[in-house]
Amino acid sequence: MARRIIDLSFPIDGADPRGTVRLEPYKTFAEHRARITLVTFDTHSGTHLDAPSHQLADAPTLDRMDLDRCVGPAEVIDCTAKGPYQMIDIADLEAVAGRVRPGGRLLFRTDWSRRWGAPDFEEGYPAFTEAAAGWLAARGVVLVGIDTPSVAPCYRPIEVINAVHRPFLEAEVALVENLTNLAALRHPTVTFIALPLNLVGSDGCPVRAVAIEDASDGW
């Protein structure tokens, strides 16, 4: 069966706004007849997944997460009407409540990812309120993805950032942040895959997030 695979991940390179990505020659072809690159990045660079241990003491680390949460059908939720500093609140979620189900996966499209590389990329992006995070967690979703730097407004005090993450992470919801290219999706439901490396003891990891659309979906 024909299918489309849509890459929803930012490249991992020196253009990452966090400035922690380094790719350096470790072994060269001229010297070793092979190339090996030394890669350095922080665990929340680019398109990445948050483990519960990211903000909760003694919570599951990346290697203890249920990978089933990271693979499966996902609903694409259009939040492109949100502008800078406008939050995703319970009222927005109630408008799509019929698509929010226990065991479900949700991808929130704001198109903020188009600002990647801009000086204000990490300032003023739409994010969830604490109440919205609790609303989603209480409904048993297993994954929430968003095309902004974080589910929380990282330009606010750390107490606000932690308060938004906490309901998700306490429920062991897989959080995939900094998605991109959601505008390329043609259907409201896609197969979503975002698998992290098996980093033992880690609080997160960059992922290669993709969406799959089958020909039977009508494209």
Protein backbone atom coordinates (compact mmCIF):
# COMPACT_ATOMS: atom_id res chain seq x y z
CA MET A 1 0.00 0.00 0.00
CA ALA A 2 1.36 3.43 -0.97
CA ARG A 3 2.08 5.82 1.86
CA ARG A 4 3.49 9.25 2.64
CA ILE A 5 6.08 9.66 5.37
CA ILE A 6 6.24 13.27 6.59
CA ASP A 7 9.26 14.31 8.62
CA LEU A 8 8.15 16.37 11.63
CA SER A 9 11.65 16.89 13.07
CA PHE A 10 14.08 19.77 12.98
CA PRO A 11 17.62 18.96 11.82
CA ILE A 12 20.17 18.50 14.56
CA ASP A 13 22.88 20.98 13.70
CA GLY A 14 24.57 24.15 14.85
CA ALA A 15 21.48 26.21 14.02
CA ASP A 16 19.63 24.89 17.09
CA PRO A 17 18.56 27.94 19.15
CA ARG A 18 19.77 26.32 22.39
CA GLY A 19 23.32 26.45 21.06
CA THR A 20 24.41 23.13 22.58
CA VAL A 21 24.68 21.03 19.39
CA ARG A 22 28.19 20.18 18.20
CA LEU A 23 29.18 17.81 15.40
CA GLU A 24 32.96 17.33 15.21
CA PRO A 25 35.19 14.91 13.30
CA TYR A 26 36.32 12.10 15.61
CA LYS A 27 37.92 9.82 13.03
CA THR A 28 38.57 10.86 9.43
CA PHE A 29 38.58 8.82 6.26
CA ALA A 30 42.10 10.01 5.42
CA GLU A 31 43.51 8.70 8.70
CA HIS A 32 41.27 5.72 9.51
CA ARG A 33 39.59 4.80 6.18
CA ALA A 34 36.29 5.55 7.86
CA ARG A 35 34.43 8.53 9.22
CA ILE A 36 33.10 8.78 12.78
CA THR A 37 31.58 11.99 14.15
CA LEU A 38 31.53 13.09 17.77
CA VAL A 39 28.07 14.52 18.52
CA THR A 40 27.25 16.66 21.56
CA PHE A 41 23.77 17.94 22.41
CA ASP A 42 21.63 18.51 25.45
CA THR A 43 18.72 16.13 25.94
CA HIS A 44 16.14 18.77 24.98
CA SER A 45 17.70 19.94 21.73
CA GLY A 46 15.61 20.18 18.60
CA THR A 47 12.56 17.99 18.30
CA HIS A 48 12.67 16.02 21.54
CA LEU A 49 10.78 13.91 24.03
CA ASP A 50 10.47 14.67 27.76
CA ALA A 51 10.67 11.77 30.20
CA PRO A 52 8.83 12.10 33.55
CA SER A 53 12.21 12.52 35.28
CA HIS A 54 12.67 15.81 33.41
CA GLN A 55 10.83 17.69 36.16
CA LEU A 56 9.84 15.08 38.74
CA ALA A 57 12.24 13.64 41.31
CA ASP A 58 12.40 9.83 41.35
CA ALA A 59 10.13 9.59 38.29
CA PRO A 60 10.73 7.17 35.39
CA THR A 61 13.71 7.97 33.21
CA LEU A 62 13.76 7.71 29.44
CA ASP A 63 14.81 4.06 29.36
CA ARG A 64 11.85 3.11 31.59
CA MET A 65 9.18 4.74 29.45
CA ASP A 66 6.51 2.71 27.67
CA LEU A 67 7.42 3.03 23.98
CA ASP A 68 3.89 2.08 22.98
CA ARG A 69 2.95 5.66 23.86
CA CYS A 70 5.31 6.92 21.17
CA VAL A 71 3.81 4.97 18.25
CA GLY A 72 0.23 4.95 16.99
CA PRO A 73 -2.71 6.99 15.70
CA ALA A 74 -2.60 10.69 16.53
CA GLU A 75 -5.15 13.47 16.17
CA VAL A 76 -3.87 16.73 14.66
CA ILE A 77 -5.41 19.66 16.53
CA ASP A 78 -5.44 23.03 14.75
CA CYS A 79 -4.40 25.87 17.06
CA THR A 80 -3.08 28.15 14.33
CA ALA A 81 -5.41 30.92 15.46
CA LYS A 82 -3.25 31.35 18.55
CA GLY A 83 -0.91 34.31 18.36
CA PRO A 84 2.10 35.30 20.46
CA TYR A 85 1.53 34.98 24.21
CA GLN A 86 -1.89 33.37 23.68
CA MET A 87 -2.32 30.21 25.71
CA ILE A 88 -4.10 26.95 24.89
CA ASP A 89 -6.75 26.71 27.62
CA ILE A 90 -9.58 24.38 28.64
CA ALA A 91 -12.04 26.19 26.36
CA ASP A 92 -9.88 25.34 23.36
CA LEU A 93 -9.72 21.70 24.40
CA GLU A 94 -13.42 21.40 25.10
CA ALA A 95 -14.05 22.50 21.51
CA VAL A 96 -12.30 19.30 20.33
CA ALA A 97 -13.29 17.09 23.25
CA GLY A 98 -14.71 14.44 20.93
CA ARG A 99 -11.19 13.78 19.63
CA VAL A 100 -9.62 13.47 23.08
CA ARG A 101 -9.83 9.86 24.23
CA PRO A 102 -8.12 7.62 26.81
CA GLY A 103 -5.02 6.16 25.22
CA GLY A 104 -5.04 8.81 22.52
CA ARG A 105 -2.24 10.87 21.05
CA LEU A 106 -2.60 14.56 20.17
CA LEU A 107 -0.44 16.78 17.95
CA PHE A 108 -1.09 20.50 18.42
CA ARG A 109 -0.36 22.62 15.37
CA THR A 110 0.36 26.33 15.95
CA ASP A 111 2.80 26.88 13.04
CA TRP A 112 5.18 28.57 15.49
CA SER A 113 7.87 26.24 14.06
CA ARG A 114 8.04 28.54 11.03
CA ARG A 115 9.94 30.97 13.27
CA TRP A 116 12.77 28.49 13.78
CA GLY A 117 16.05 30.43 13.75
CA ALA A 118 14.40 33.77 14.56
CA PRO A 119 15.75 35.68 17.58
CA ASP A 120 12.38 35.50 19.33
CA PHE A 121 11.73 31.80 18.63
CA GLU A 122 11.68 30.91 22.33
CA GLU A 123 9.77 34.02 23.38
CA GLY A 124 5.99 34.32 23.38
CA TYR A 125 5.05 31.04 21.72
CA PRO A 126 1.61 29.53 22.46
CA ALA A 127 1.68 26.96 25.26
CA PHE A 128 -0.70 25.18 27.60
CA THR A 129 -2.11 26.62 30.78
CA GLU A 130 -1.77 24.53 33.93
CA ALA A 131 -5.51 23.88 33.82
CA ALA A 132 -5.34 22.67 30.21
CA ALA A 133 -2.47 20.33 31.05
CA GLY A 134 -4.48 18.87 33.91
CA TRP A 135 -7.55 18.53 31.67
CA LEU A 136 -5.65 16.48 29.11
CA ALA A 137 -3.85 14.34 31.67
CA ALA A 138 -7.15 13.55 33.43
CA ARG A 139 -8.57 12.24 30.16
CA GLY A 140 -5.90 9.60 29.81
CA VAL A 141 -4.05 10.72 26.71
CA VAL A 142 -0.67 9.01 26.37
CA LEU A 143 1.18 11.49 24.14
CA VAL A 144 1.01 15.23 23.51
CA GLY A 145 3.10 16.81 20.78
CA ILE A 146 3.37 20.49 19.90
CA ASP A 147 5.28 22.56 17.34
CA THR A 148 6.59 25.07 19.87
CA PRO A 149 9.72 24.89 22.07
CA SER A 150 7.74 23.49 25.01
CA VAL A 151 4.30 22.59 26.29
CA ALA A 152 4.96 25.24 28.95
CA PRO A 153 5.74 28.94 28.47
CA CYS A 154 9.48 28.89 29.20
CA TYR A 155 9.52 32.69 29.11
CA ARG A 156 7.53 32.63 32.38
CA PRO A 157 8.86 31.94 35.93
CA ILE A 158 10.09 28.41 36.62
CA GLU A 159 7.12 27.82 38.93
CA VAL A 160 4.77 28.25 35.96
CA ILE A 161 6.90 26.01 33.74
CA ASN A 162 6.92 23.26 36.35
CA ALA A 163 3.19 23.60 37.03
CA VAL A 164 2.34 23.00 33.36
CA HIS A 165 4.68 20.03 32.98
CA ARG A 166 3.67 18.36 36.23
CA PRO A 167 0.18 17.03 35.33
CA PHE A 168 1.53 15.54 32.11
CA LEU A 169 4.61 13.97 33.64
CA GLU A 170 2.82 12.64 36.72
CA ALA A 171 0.48 10.80 34.33
CA GLU A 172 3.54 9.64 32.31
CA VAL A 173 2.26 11.36 29.19
CA ALA A 174 4.98 11.35 26.54
CA LEU A 175 5.70 14.98 25.63
CA VAL A 176 7.15 15.67 22.19
CA GLU A 177 8.19 19.30 21.82
CA ASN A 178 9.55 21.36 18.93
CA LEU A 179 7.73 19.47 16.21
CA THR A 180 7.74 21.06 12.78
CA ASN A 181 6.04 20.70 9.39
CA LEU A 182 2.60 19.89 10.78
CA ALA A 183 1.17 22.06 7.99
CA ALA A 184 2.21 19.35 5.52
CA LEU A 185 -0.25 16.86 7.01
CA ARG A 186 -3.32 16.36 4.84
CA HIS A 187 -5.55 14.49 7.27
CA PRO A 188 -6.77 15.11 10.83
CA THR A 189 -5.58 11.66 11.97
CA VAL A 190 -2.15 10.22 11.17
CA THR A 191 0.10 7.44 12.35
CA PHE A 192 2.74 9.09 14.53
CA ILE A 193 6.17 7.76 15.52
CA ALA A 194 8.67 9.53 17.78
CA LEU A 195 11.16 7.08 19.28
CA PRO A 196 14.03 8.27 21.50
CA LEU A 197 17.42 6.66 21.93
CA ASN A 198 17.67 4.19 24.80
CA LEU A 199 19.65 6.59 27.00
CA VAL A 200 19.82 5.02 30.45
CA GLY A 201 18.90 7.42 33.23
CA SER A 202 18.13 10.29 30.85
CA ASP A 203 15.43 12.96 31.30
CA GLY A 204 14.79 13.28 27.57
CA CYS A 205 16.22 12.89 24.09
CA PRO A 206 15.95 14.28 20.57
CA VAL A 207 13.67 12.16 18.37
CA ARG A 208 13.05 11.64 14.68
CA ALA A 209 9.33 12.30 14.65
CA VAL A 210 7.37 11.27 11.57
CA ALA A 211 3.76 11.01 10.49
CA ILE A 212 2.51 8.36 8.10
CA GLU A 213 -0.50 8.83 5.84
CA ASP A 214 -1.76 5.89 3.77
CA ALA A 215 -3.17 6.11 0.26
CA SER A 216 -6.41 4.73 1.64
CA ASP A 217 -6.80 8.03 3.49
CA GLY A 218 -7.57 9.65 0.13
CA TRP A 219 -4.43 11.55 -0.87
